Amino acid sequence: MQDVKKVVLAYSGGLDTSVILKWLIETYKCEVIAVTADLGQPEDLSGVEEKALKTGASKAYVLDLREEMAKDFVFPMMRGAARYENRYLLGTSIARPLIAKALVDIARKEGADAVAHGATGKGNDQVRFEFAVSALAPDIKVIAPWREWDLMSRTALTAFAEKHGIPISSDAKRYSMDANMMHTSFEGSELENPGNAPDASCHQRCVPVEEAPDTPEIISVDFEHGNPVAVNGQRLSPAAIIKTLSDIAGRNGIGRDDMVENRFVGMKCRGVYENPAGTLLFALHRDLEGICMDRELLGIRDMLAVRYSQCVYNGFWYSPEREAMQVFMDKSQECVTGTVRAKLYKGGVWPLARTSANSLFSEDLATFEGGDYDHKDAAGFIRLNSLRLRLHAAVQSKLGK
């Protein structure tokens, strides 16, 4: 048993972290400070501080991290075009290093010697939290109750809560869910069998496509250096951009993904993800890059995006390799400034037009109506670039192939 006197707990106010709060006090005989991160999740956080104090916390912080998450975590990730396994937009993953940073900041402020989280021993979040703490504050201990206690079922957790007078919701939770400004994830219940279709209740951010409006919605998004700065001509803060686009895309059924992914800890996991703002931004940002980024630069960025997304998913946000890649990603976005207009319709995003003062597109070169291009130049280009192919063919001929 670790010798700790003061613990900072990542606290949501739900069953698990409420039980953890009381369990820490009983097991470690320590003071517990609760920290709740407001990341733009749909839940009402108005009573979470009071609940933490009633459950035994000596202090309770509710931190508004919405702008910091959007500006310093979501936007850099999107400049890196990150999609894990080319599908998952990393909605949960990108929140964990910010929460860990908040825990460490409060631990330093309060003189705590440990932090605690409610991630299970099966998932990726334990890795993400603890990697982040290791990078930011290697001297601070980490307590992971799910790897220590014997409360291994919802029945056991409920019994513990009832025994200690911890108020719990009477509503049965069908899914294990995580939510923030970017996304909502659904796991568990029928989703544990990849052969089952999701239940109709498996929606929070995105309307089912068949219920989306029958009339397309046209929107425009302005970007500066790869970052979205305005929607339909109105400049907004980073968090407001995410919220606005989430509402717009969600009502058009955009942003749902039902997938089986490979967890870092080794197992496959099936989840349903709703990431309306991320899905829309990824499509529009990529479209603008088409006219603003050099071909070779775009190709190298896309190769690095695979490694970058793995860093985010696997919990290496504060690693030297992610930070070094971020410098490249940001450099690649220097000219990605402009506006994309798109049509949204029943789950689909169709870019209609894109404009940029930094456009590399030359109508004079691309036109079919003449222009300042000498077709004869292509002959030398083809001869030189096919030289290696002709040499290879000669060698193959000698080998009888």
Protein backbone atom coordinates (compact mmCIF):
# COMPACT_ATOMS: atom_id res chain seq x y z
CA MET A 1 0.00 0.00 0.00
CA GLN A 2 1.44 3.35 -1.01
CA ASP A 3 2.02 5.90 1.74
CA VAL A 4 -0.03 8.90 0.63
CA LYS A 5 -1.54 11.75 2.61
CA LYS A 6 -3.32 13.80 -0.03
CA VAL A 7 -4.78 12.56 -3.33
CA VAL A 8 -6.21 14.52 -6.25
CA LEU A 9 -8.98 12.51 -7.92
CA ALA A 10 -10.34 12.89 -11.44
CA TYR A 11 -14.01 13.08 -10.45
CA SER A 12 -17.05 12.98 -12.72
CA GLY A 13 -19.75 12.64 -10.07
CA GLY A 14 -20.90 9.30 -11.41
CA LEU A 15 -21.10 5.98 -9.59
CA ASP A 16 -17.53 4.86 -10.22
CA THR A 17 -15.68 8.01 -9.16
CA SER A 18 -18.00 8.62 -6.21
CA VAL A 19 -17.21 5.15 -4.91
CA ILE A 20 -13.52 5.71 -5.61
CA LEU A 21 -13.56 8.92 -3.57
CA LYS A 22 -14.91 7.16 -0.50
CA TRP A 23 -12.75 4.07 -1.11
CA LEU A 24 -9.59 6.19 -1.20
CA ILE A 25 -10.45 7.80 2.13
CA GLU A 26 -11.13 4.42 3.75
CA THR A 27 -8.26 2.52 2.19
CA TYR A 28 -5.46 5.09 2.30
CA LYS A 29 -6.69 7.15 5.28
CA CYS A 30 -5.95 10.20 3.17
CA GLU A 31 -7.40 13.54 2.21
CA VAL A 32 -9.04 13.55 -1.22
CA ILE A 33 -9.46 16.58 -3.46
CA ALA A 34 -11.93 16.14 -6.31
CA VAL A 35 -11.25 17.70 -9.72
CA THR A 36 -13.96 17.81 -12.38
CA ALA A 37 -13.07 18.96 -15.86
CA ASP A 38 -15.64 20.85 -17.88
CA LEU A 39 -14.71 19.83 -21.41
CA GLY A 40 -17.98 20.85 -23.00
CA GLN A 41 -19.73 17.55 -22.26
CA PRO A 42 -23.55 17.62 -22.37
CA GLU A 43 -23.90 16.67 -18.69
CA ASP A 44 -25.06 19.23 -16.14
CA LEU A 45 -22.14 19.82 -13.74
CA SER A 46 -23.99 22.21 -11.45
CA GLY A 47 -24.25 19.79 -8.51
CA VAL A 48 -20.99 17.90 -8.89
CA GLU A 49 -19.01 20.04 -6.42
CA GLU A 50 -21.63 19.66 -3.69
CA LYS A 51 -21.79 15.89 -4.25
CA ALA A 52 -18.04 15.53 -3.99
CA LEU A 53 -17.95 17.41 -0.70
CA LYS A 54 -20.85 15.38 0.72
CA THR A 55 -19.08 12.15 -0.27
CA GLY A 56 -16.01 13.18 1.73
CA ALA A 57 -13.77 15.34 -0.44
CA SER A 58 -11.89 18.05 1.45
CA LYS A 59 -12.07 20.31 -1.60
CA ALA A 60 -13.74 20.15 -4.97
CA TYR A 61 -12.67 21.95 -8.13
CA VAL A 62 -14.79 22.30 -11.25
CA LEU A 63 -12.45 23.59 -13.95
CA ASP A 64 -13.66 25.20 -17.16
CA LEU A 65 -11.17 23.78 -19.67
CA ARG A 66 -13.26 24.20 -22.82
CA GLU A 67 -11.21 26.88 -24.55
CA GLU A 68 -7.92 25.26 -23.56
CA MET A 69 -9.07 21.91 -24.89
CA ALA A 70 -10.17 23.36 -28.22
CA LYS A 71 -7.18 25.65 -28.77
CA ASP A 72 -4.29 23.64 -27.32
CA PHE A 73 -5.40 20.05 -27.86
CA VAL A 74 -8.15 19.63 -30.49
CA PHE A 75 -6.83 22.18 -32.98
CA PRO A 76 -3.21 20.96 -32.93
CA MET A 77 -4.48 17.39 -33.40
CA MET A 78 -6.59 18.48 -36.36
CA ARG A 79 -3.66 20.35 -37.90
CA GLY A 80 -1.98 16.94 -37.80
CA ALA A 81 -4.89 15.30 -39.69
CA ALA A 82 -5.03 12.61 -37.00
CA ARG A 83 -7.40 9.65 -37.40
CA TYR A 84 -6.47 6.44 -35.60
CA GLU A 85 -6.54 3.47 -37.98
CA ASN A 86 -7.79 5.96 -40.57
CA ARG A 87 -11.24 6.14 -38.95
CA TYR A 88 -11.41 7.08 -35.28
CA LEU A 89 -11.19 10.85 -34.68
CA LEU A 90 -9.66 10.49 -31.19
CA GLY A 91 -12.41 12.22 -29.20
CA THR A 92 -11.66 10.47 -25.91
CA SER A 93 -7.92 10.22 -26.46
CA ILE A 94 -7.32 13.95 -26.86
CA ALA A 95 -9.09 14.80 -23.59
CA ARG A 96 -6.97 12.59 -21.35
CA PRO A 97 -3.68 14.53 -21.47
CA LEU A 98 -5.56 17.73 -20.62
CA ILE A 99 -7.32 16.12 -17.65
CA ALA A 100 -4.00 14.69 -16.47
CA LYS A 101 -2.41 18.13 -16.75
CA ALA A 102 -5.24 19.59 -14.65
CA LEU A 103 -4.74 16.89 -11.99
CA VAL A 104 -1.03 17.62 -11.84
CA ASP A 105 -1.62 21.39 -11.65
CA ILE A 106 -4.01 20.98 -8.71
CA ALA A 107 -1.70 18.45 -7.06
CA ARG A 108 1.14 20.98 -7.19
CA LYS A 109 -1.09 23.76 -5.92
CA GLU A 110 -2.45 21.69 -3.02
CA GLY A 111 0.77 19.86 -2.15
CA ALA A 112 -0.68 16.44 -2.94
CA ASP A 113 1.59 13.44 -3.30
CA ALA A 114 -0.70 11.34 -5.53
CA VAL A 115 -3.39 11.53 -8.20
CA ALA A 116 -6.09 8.93 -8.88
CA HIS A 117 -8.27 8.04 -11.85
CA GLY A 118 -11.26 5.79 -12.51
CA ALA A 119 -10.00 4.05 -15.65
CA THR A 120 -10.25 0.26 -15.69
CA GLY A 121 -7.40 -2.18 -16.10
CA LYS A 122 -8.72 -3.29 -19.49
CA GLY A 123 -8.75 -0.02 -21.36
CA ASN A 124 -6.51 2.61 -22.91
CA ASP A 125 -7.38 5.45 -20.55
CA GLN A 126 -5.28 4.12 -17.67
CA VAL A 127 -2.29 4.24 -20.00
CA ARG A 128 -3.08 7.74 -21.26
CA PHE A 129 -3.53 9.20 -17.76
CA GLU A 130 -0.42 7.57 -16.34
CA PHE A 131 1.85 8.30 -19.30
CA ALA A 132 0.84 11.94 -19.05
CA VAL A 133 1.50 12.11 -15.30
CA SER A 134 4.84 10.37 -15.82
CA ALA A 135 5.84 13.02 -18.35
CA LEU A 136 4.56 16.04 -16.39
CA ALA A 137 5.28 15.02 -12.81
CA PRO A 138 7.26 11.78 -12.43
CA ASP A 139 7.52 12.36 -8.68
CA ILE A 140 3.74 12.18 -8.17
CA LYS A 141 2.27 8.74 -7.44
CA VAL A 142 -0.70 7.40 -9.39
CA ILE A 143 -3.46 5.33 -7.80
CA ALA A 144 -5.64 3.20 -10.07
CA PRO A 145 -8.38 1.67 -7.85
CA TRP A 146 -9.63 -0.67 -10.59
CA ARG A 147 -6.27 -2.43 -10.42
CA GLU A 148 -6.40 -2.70 -6.62
CA TRP A 149 -9.88 -3.21 -5.26
CA ASP A 150 -12.29 -6.15 -5.45
CA LEU A 151 -15.35 -4.11 -6.52
CA MET A 152 -15.42 -5.64 -9.98
CA SER A 153 -19.09 -5.27 -10.92
CA ARG A 154 -21.80 -2.62 -10.98
CA THR A 155 -23.64 -4.62 -8.32
CA ALA A 156 -20.62 -4.41 -6.01
CA LEU A 157 -20.18 -0.70 -6.67
CA THR A 158 -23.87 -0.05 -5.99
CA ALA A 159 -23.73 -2.01 -2.75
CA PHE A 160 -20.68 -0.02 -1.61
CA ALA A 161 -22.43 3.25 -2.48
CA GLU A 162 -25.59 2.28 -0.58
CA LYS A 163 -23.57 1.18 2.45
CA HIS A 164 -21.80 4.56 2.59
CA GLY A 165 -24.81 6.73 1.81
CA ILE A 166 -23.55 7.83 -1.61
CA PRO A 167 -26.51 8.96 -3.75
CA ILE A 168 -26.76 7.10 -7.03
CA SER A 169 -28.96 7.50 -10.05
CA SER A 170 -31.95 5.19 -10.29
CA ASP A 171 -31.69 5.21 -14.08
CA ALA A 172 -30.09 2.11 -15.51
CA LYS A 173 -27.13 2.87 -17.78
CA ARG A 174 -27.28 0.85 -20.96
CA TYR A 175 -23.82 1.89 -22.18
CA SER A 176 -20.44 2.89 -20.89
CA MET A 177 -20.17 6.42 -22.27
CA ASP A 178 -17.59 9.17 -22.46
CA ALA A 179 -18.41 12.65 -23.70
CA ASN A 180 -16.75 16.01 -24.22
CA MET A 181 -17.12 18.92 -26.66
CA MET A 182 -15.89 16.74 -29.52
CA HIS A 183 -17.68 13.47 -29.16
CA THR A 184 -19.71 10.85 -27.34
CA SER A 185 -18.56 7.24 -27.25
CA PHE A 186 -20.75 4.21 -26.57
CA GLU A 187 -19.46 0.82 -25.41
CA GLY A 188 -20.97 -2.19 -23.69
CA SER A 189 -24.42 -3.81 -23.77
CA GLU A 190 -25.27 -5.20 -27.23
CA LEU A 191 -22.20 -3.47 -28.68
CA GLU A 192 -19.95 -6.03 -26.99
CA ASN A 193 -20.93 -8.42 -29.79
CA PRO A 194 -19.74 -6.99 -33.14
CA GLY A 195 -22.51 -9.02 -34.81
CA ASN A 196 -25.22 -6.91 -33.17
CA ALA A 197 -26.52 -3.69 -34.64
CA PRO A 198 -26.62 -0.73 -32.21
CA ASP A 199 -29.86 -0.16 -30.36
CA ALA A 200 -31.93 2.86 -31.39
CA SER A 201 -31.05 4.51 -28.05
CA CYS A 202 -27.40 4.69 -29.09
CA HIS A 203 -27.59 8.34 -30.14
CA GLN A 204 -26.73 11.57 -28.39
CA ARG A 205 -25.08 14.04 -30.79
CA CYS A 206 -26.24 12.89 -34.22
CA VAL A 207 -29.79 12.31 -35.38
CA PRO A 208 -30.33 9.06 -37.31
CA VAL A 209 -29.74 9.80 -40.99
CA GLU A 210 -33.32 8.89 -41.89
CA GLU A 211 -34.51 11.62 -39.47
CA ALA A 212 -32.13 14.29 -40.81
CA PRO A 213 -33.72 17.15 -42.78
CA ASP A 214 -34.79 16.47 -46.34
CA THR A 215 -33.31 19.80 -47.44
CA PRO A 216 -29.50 20.17 -47.68
CA GLU A 217 -27.84 22.76 -45.45
CA ILE A 218 -25.12 24.97 -46.95
CA ILE A 219 -22.38 26.25 -44.64
CA SER A 220 -19.00 27.93 -44.92
CA VAL A 221 -15.98 27.64 -42.61
CA ASP A 222 -12.99 29.99 -42.63
CA PHE A 223 -9.54 28.69 -41.73
CA GLU A 224 -6.33 30.45 -40.75
CA HIS A 225 -3.09 28.46 -40.74
CA GLY A 226 -5.11 25.25 -40.53
CA ASN A 227 -7.34 26.37 -37.67
CA PRO A 228 -11.09 27.04 -38.09
CA VAL A 229 -11.85 30.62 -37.10
CA ALA A 230 -15.35 31.41 -38.42
CA VAL A 231 -18.63 29.69 -39.32
CA ASN A 232 -20.86 31.27 -41.95
CA GLY A 233 -18.76 34.42 -41.75
CA GLN A 234 -19.02 34.80 -37.97
CA ARG A 235 -15.74 34.66 -36.05
CA LEU A 236 -15.96 32.52 -32.92
CA SER A 237 -13.69 31.30 -30.14
CA PRO A 238 -12.16 27.82 -30.57
CA ALA A 239 -14.65 26.18 -28.19
CA ALA A 240 -17.58 28.02 -29.78
CA ILE A 241 -16.43 26.83 -33.21
CA ILE A 242 -16.56 23.22 -32.02
CA LYS A 243 -19.95 23.68 -30.35
CA THR A 244 -21.49 25.41 -33.37
CA LEU A 245 -20.24 22.85 -35.89
CA SER A 246 -21.24 19.99 -33.58
CA ASP A 247 -24.83 21.28 -33.54
CA ILE A 248 -24.91 21.86 -37.30
CA ALA A 249 -23.39 18.51 -38.26
CA GLY A 250 -25.34 16.60 -35.63
CA ARG A 251 -28.73 17.75 -36.84
CA ASN A 252 -27.74 16.57 -40.33
CA GLY A 253 -26.80 13.10 -39.10
CA ILE A 254 -23.07 13.64 -39.71
CA GLY A 255 -20.35 12.09 -37.57
CA ARG A 256 -21.33 8.57 -36.47
CA ASP A 257 -18.90 5.70 -36.77
CA ASP A 258 -19.47 2.07 -35.70
CA MET A 259 -16.11 0.31 -35.64
CA VAL A 260 -13.87 -2.34 -34.13
CA GLU A 261 -10.51 -0.85 -33.17
CA ASN A 262 -7.26 -2.21 -31.79
CA ARG A 263 -6.66 -1.04 -28.25
CA PHE A 264 -3.10 -0.25 -27.22
CA VAL A 265 -3.35 -2.83 -24.43
CA GLY A 266 -3.78 -5.56 -27.04
CA MET A 267 -7.45 -6.42 -27.38
CA LYS A 268 -9.97 -5.46 -30.02
CA CYS A 269 -12.88 -3.30 -28.94
CA ARG A 270 -16.14 -2.37 -30.65
CA GLY A 271 -17.50 1.10 -30.10
CA VAL A 272 -19.91 3.58 -31.59
CA TYR A 273 -18.60 7.12 -31.80
CA GLU A 274 -20.39 10.37 -32.50
CA ASN A 275 -18.01 13.15 -33.51
CA PRO A 276 -20.02 15.57 -35.64
CA ALA A 277 -17.74 18.62 -35.40
CA GLY A 278 -14.58 16.58 -35.93
CA THR A 279 -16.01 14.76 -38.94
CA LEU A 280 -17.10 17.99 -40.58
CA LEU A 281 -13.87 19.84 -39.83
CA PHE A 282 -11.70 16.98 -41.05
CA ALA A 283 -13.50 16.95 -44.41
CA LEU A 284 -13.41 20.73 -44.92
CA HIS A 285 -9.84 21.16 -43.70
CA ARG A 286 -8.69 18.40 -46.02
CA ASP A 287 -10.49 20.01 -48.92
CA LEU A 288 -8.79 23.38 -48.33
CA GLU A 289 -5.40 21.67 -48.13
CA GLY A 290 -5.98 20.51 -51.69
CA ILE A 291 -5.37 24.02 -53.04
CA CYS A 292 -3.02 25.32 -50.32
CA MET A 293 -0.46 22.55 -49.75
CA ASP A 294 2.37 21.46 -51.99
CA ARG A 295 2.05 17.87 -53.22
CA GLU A 296 5.23 16.54 -51.59
CA LEU A 297 4.59 18.37 -48.32
CA LEU A 298 1.06 16.93 -48.20
CA GLY A 299 2.38 13.43 -48.86
CA ILE A 300 4.93 13.58 -46.04
CA ARG A 301 2.35 15.08 -43.69
CA ASP A 302 -0.04 12.22 -44.44
CA MET A 303 2.65 9.65 -43.69
CA LEU A 304 3.46 11.33 -40.40
CA ALA A 305 -0.25 11.58 -39.58
CA VAL A 306 -0.32 7.80 -39.05
CA ARG A 307 2.41 7.97 -36.40
CA TYR A 308 0.96 11.14 -34.95
CA SER A 309 -2.47 9.56 -34.48
CA GLN A 310 -0.86 6.57 -32.79
CA CYS A 311 0.85 8.92 -30.34
CA VAL A 312 -2.48 10.52 -29.44
CA TYR A 313 -4.37 7.23 -29.19
CA ASN A 314 -1.67 5.43 -27.19
CA GLY A 315 -1.21 8.25 -24.68
CA PHE A 316 2.07 9.77 -25.84
CA TRP A 317 0.82 13.35 -26.14
CA TYR A 318 3.67 14.66 -23.99
CA SER A 319 6.31 12.59 -25.76
CA PRO A 320 9.29 14.09 -27.63
CA GLU A 321 8.20 12.42 -30.86
CA ARG A 322 4.68 13.92 -30.79
CA GLU A 323 6.06 17.35 -29.94
CA ALA A 324 8.60 17.12 -32.77
CA MET A 325 5.93 15.99 -35.23
CA GLN A 326 3.74 18.87 -34.08
CA VAL A 327 6.40 21.34 -35.20
CA PHE A 328 6.32 19.80 -38.67
CA MET A 329 2.52 19.69 -38.71
CA ASP A 330 2.27 23.36 -37.78
CA LYS A 331 4.88 24.33 -40.39
CA SER A 332 2.89 22.44 -43.01
CA GLN A 333 -0.19 24.51 -42.20
CA GLU A 334 1.33 27.97 -42.67
CA CYS A 335 -0.46 28.50 -46.00
CA VAL A 336 -3.71 26.67 -45.17
CA THR A 337 -5.82 29.81 -44.96
CA GLY A 338 -9.09 30.26 -46.80
CA THR A 339 -12.77 29.38 -46.93
CA VAL A 340 -14.61 26.17 -47.78
CA ARG A 341 -18.31 26.10 -48.63
CA ALA A 342 -20.06 22.74 -48.30
CA LYS A 343 -23.39 20.99 -48.57
CA LEU A 344 -24.52 18.84 -45.63
CA TYR A 345 -27.18 16.25 -46.28
CA LYS A 346 -28.29 13.12 -44.41
CA GLY A 347 -24.93 12.09 -42.99
CA GLY A 348 -22.82 13.34 -45.89
CA VAL A 349 -20.42 16.26 -46.34
CA TRP A 350 -19.91 17.55 -49.90
CA PRO A 351 -17.48 20.46 -50.36
CA LEU A 352 -18.82 22.78 -53.04
CA ALA A 353 -16.19 25.49 -53.34
CA ARG A 354 -12.89 26.49 -51.81
CA THR A 355 -11.00 29.80 -52.03
CA SER A 356 -7.65 30.96 -50.69
CA ALA A 357 -5.27 33.84 -51.21
CA ASN A 358 -2.53 31.19 -50.91
CA SER A 359 -3.97 28.89 -53.56
CA LEU A 360 -1.46 26.90 -55.61
CA PHE A 361 -4.12 26.23 -58.24
CA SER A 362 -3.44 27.96 -61.55
CA GLU A 363 -6.42 28.23 -63.84
CA ASP A 364 -4.07 29.25 -66.64
CA LEU A 365 -2.15 25.98 -66.30
CA ALA A 366 -5.14 23.71 -65.65
CA THR A 367 -7.51 25.03 -68.29
CA PHE A 368 -8.50 23.03 -71.39
CA GLU A 369 -8.71 26.32 -73.31
CA GLY A 370 -5.03 26.84 -74.11
CA GLY A 371 -3.10 28.82 -71.53
CA ASP A 372 0.61 29.32 -70.90
CA TYR A 373 1.70 25.68 -71.07
CA ASP A 374 3.88 24.02 -73.71
CA HIS A 375 2.68 20.44 -74.24
CA LYS A 376 6.04 19.54 -75.79
CA ASP A 377 7.69 19.89 -72.35
CA ALA A 378 5.93 16.71 -71.26
CA ALA A 379 8.01 14.56 -73.65
CA GLY A 380 11.27 15.16 -71.78
CA PHE A 381 9.54 14.74 -68.45
CA ILE A 382 8.20 11.35 -69.51
CA ARG A 383 11.55 10.20 -70.96
CA LEU A 384 13.48 11.00 -67.79
CA ASN A 385 10.91 9.59 -65.37
CA SER A 386 10.52 6.38 -67.37
CA LEU A 387 14.28 5.82 -67.67
CA ARG A 388 14.42 3.52 -64.65
CA LEU A 389 11.43 1.56 -65.93
CA ARG A 390 13.14 0.93 -69.27
CA LEU A 391 16.37 -0.14 -67.55
CA HIS A 392 14.43 -2.47 -65.27
CA ALA A 393 12.59 -3.97 -68.25
CA ALA A 394 15.94 -4.65 -69.99
CA VAL A 395 17.26 -6.55 -66.96
CA GLN A 396 14.04 -8.56 -66.69
CA SER A 397 14.34 -9.46 -70.37
CA LYS A 398 17.86 -10.84 -69.81
CA LEU A 399 16.46 -12.99 -66.99
CA GLY A 400 13.80 -14.34 -69.32
CA LYS A 401 10.93 -12.75 -67.43
